[in-house]
């Protein structure tokens, strides 16, 4: 799970003065689900390239493909 403090910081960077715990939990869940989808795609790209190591480029390309 993504840390509540990290999610709070993100929401505050977006302009919020206050953040409810429910809002932090909801965004954390969504971000984690999206991150897992991106990571899966990055793994697929690395495997397609014949590598076991996922590189920065795999992650960046995975984001573009989502």
C-alpha atoms as a PDB file:
ATOM      1  CA  UNK A   1       0.000   0.000   0.000  1.00  0.00           C
ATOM      2  CA  UNK A   2       1.180   3.506  -0.764  1.00  0.00           C
ATOM      3  CA  UNK A   3       1.892   5.512   2.389  1.00  0.00           C
ATOM      4  CA  UNK A   4      -0.883   7.866   3.494  1.00  0.00           C
ATOM      5  CA  UNK A   5       1.612  10.674   4.090  1.00  0.00           C
ATOM      6  CA  UNK A   6       2.832  10.425   0.497  1.00  0.00           C
ATOM      7  CA  UNK A   7      -0.707  10.582  -0.860  1.00  0.00           C
ATOM      8  CA  UNK A   8      -1.523  13.521   1.417  1.00  0.00           C
ATOM      9  CA  UNK A   9       1.511  15.367   0.018  1.00  0.00           C
ATOM     10  CA  UNK A  10       0.370  14.718  -3.541  1.00  0.00           C
ATOM     11  CA  UNK A  11      -3.128  16.033  -2.859  1.00  0.00           C
ATOM     12  CA  UNK A  12      -1.703  19.092  -1.087  1.00  0.00           C
ATOM     13  CA  UNK A  13       0.638  19.731  -4.039  1.00  0.00           C
ATOM     14  CA  UNK A  14      -2.503  19.780  -6.170  1.00  0.00           C
ATOM     15  CA  UNK A  15      -3.775  22.669  -4.050  1.00  0.00           C
ATOM     16  CA  UNK A  16      -5.764  21.179  -1.148  1.00  0.00           C
ATOM     17  CA  UNK A  17      -5.487  22.795   2.276  1.00  0.00           C
ATOM     18  CA  UNK A  18      -6.945  19.791   4.060  1.00  0.00           C
ATOM     19  CA  UNK A  19      -7.249  16.137   3.082  1.00  0.00           C
ATOM     20  CA  UNK A  20      -9.647  13.602   4.572  1.00  0.00           C
ATOM     21  CA  UNK A  21      -8.435  10.121   5.419  1.00  0.00           C
ATOM     22  CA  UNK A  22     -11.035   8.658   3.042  1.00  0.00           C
ATOM     23  CA  UNK A  23      -9.703  10.790   0.194  1.00  0.00           C
ATOM     24  CA  UNK A  24      -6.137   9.669   0.875  1.00  0.00           C
ATOM     25  CA  UNK A  25      -7.179   6.013   1.021  1.00  0.00           C
ATOM     26  CA  UNK A  26      -9.215   6.276  -2.191  1.00  0.00           C
ATOM     27  CA  UNK A  27      -6.400   7.917  -4.141  1.00  0.00           C
ATOM     28  CA  UNK A  28      -3.837   5.475  -2.724  1.00  0.00           C
ATOM     29  CA  UNK A  29      -5.931   2.528  -3.918  1.00  0.00           C
ATOM     30  CA  UNK A  30      -6.325   3.994  -7.407  1.00  0.00           C
ATOM     31  CA  UNK A  31      -2.627   4.877  -7.676  1.00  0.00           C
ATOM     32  CA  UNK A  32      -1.584   1.406  -6.546  1.00  0.00           C
ATOM     33  CA  UNK A  33      -3.866  -0.276  -9.084  1.00  0.00           C
ATOM     34  CA  UNK A  34      -2.544   1.942 -11.879  1.00  0.00           C
ATOM     35  CA  UNK A  35       1.071   1.361 -10.789  1.00  0.00           C
ATOM     36  CA  UNK A  36       0.566  -2.411 -10.876  1.00  0.00           C
ATOM     37  CA  UNK A  37      -0.901  -2.194 -14.395  1.00  0.00           C
ATOM     38  CA  UNK A  38       2.040  -0.081 -15.562  1.00  0.00           C
ATOM     39  CA  UNK A  39       4.528  -2.424 -13.892  1.00  0.00           C
ATOM     40  CA  UNK A  40       2.938  -5.460 -15.582  1.00  0.00           C
ATOM     41  CA  UNK A  41       3.246  -3.789 -18.962  1.00  0.00           C
ATOM     42  CA  UNK A  42       6.861  -2.819 -18.216  1.00  0.00           C
ATOM     43  CA  UNK A  43       7.654  -6.439 -17.312  1.00  0.00           C
ATOM     44  CA  UNK A  44       6.098  -7.590 -20.581  1.00  0.00           C
ATOM     45  CA  UNK A  45       8.205  -5.083 -22.511  1.00  0.00           C
ATOM     46  CA  UNK A  46      11.393  -6.179 -20.759  1.00  0.00           C
ATOM     47  CA  UNK A  47      10.620  -9.849 -21.453  1.00  0.00           C
ATOM     48  CA  UNK A  48       9.897  -9.049 -25.093  1.00  0.00           C
ATOM     49  CA  UNK A  49      13.338  -7.420 -25.284  1.00  0.00           C
ATOM     50  CA  UNK A  50      14.873 -10.611 -23.872  1.00  0.00           C
ATOM     51  CA  UNK A  51      15.669  -9.096 -20.481  1.00  0.00           C
ATOM     52  CA  UNK A  52      14.788 -10.047 -16.915  1.00  0.00           C
ATOM     53  CA  UNK A  53      15.560  -6.547 -15.677  1.00  0.00           C
ATOM     54  CA  UNK A  54      12.884  -3.879 -16.028  1.00  0.00           C
ATOM     55  CA  UNK A  55      14.520  -0.619 -17.067  1.00  0.00           C
ATOM     56  CA  UNK A  56      13.442   3.005 -16.883  1.00  0.00           C
ATOM     57  CA  UNK A  57      12.679   2.906 -20.595  1.00  0.00           C
ATOM     58  CA  UNK A  58      10.277  -0.012 -20.090  1.00  0.00           C
ATOM     59  CA  UNK A  59       8.353   1.929 -17.470  1.00  0.00           C
ATOM     60  CA  UNK A  60       8.231   5.070 -19.594  1.00  0.00           C
ATOM     61  CA  UNK A  61       7.029   3.153 -22.643  1.00  0.00           C
ATOM     62  CA  UNK A  62       4.475   1.275 -20.545  1.00  0.00           C
ATOM     63  CA  UNK A  63       3.007   4.586 -19.351  1.00  0.00           C
ATOM     64  CA  UNK A  64       2.718   5.822 -22.942  1.00  0.00           C
ATOM     65  CA  UNK A  65       0.951   2.608 -23.961  1.00  0.00           C
ATOM     66  CA  UNK A  66      -1.627   2.782 -21.166  1.00  0.00           C
END
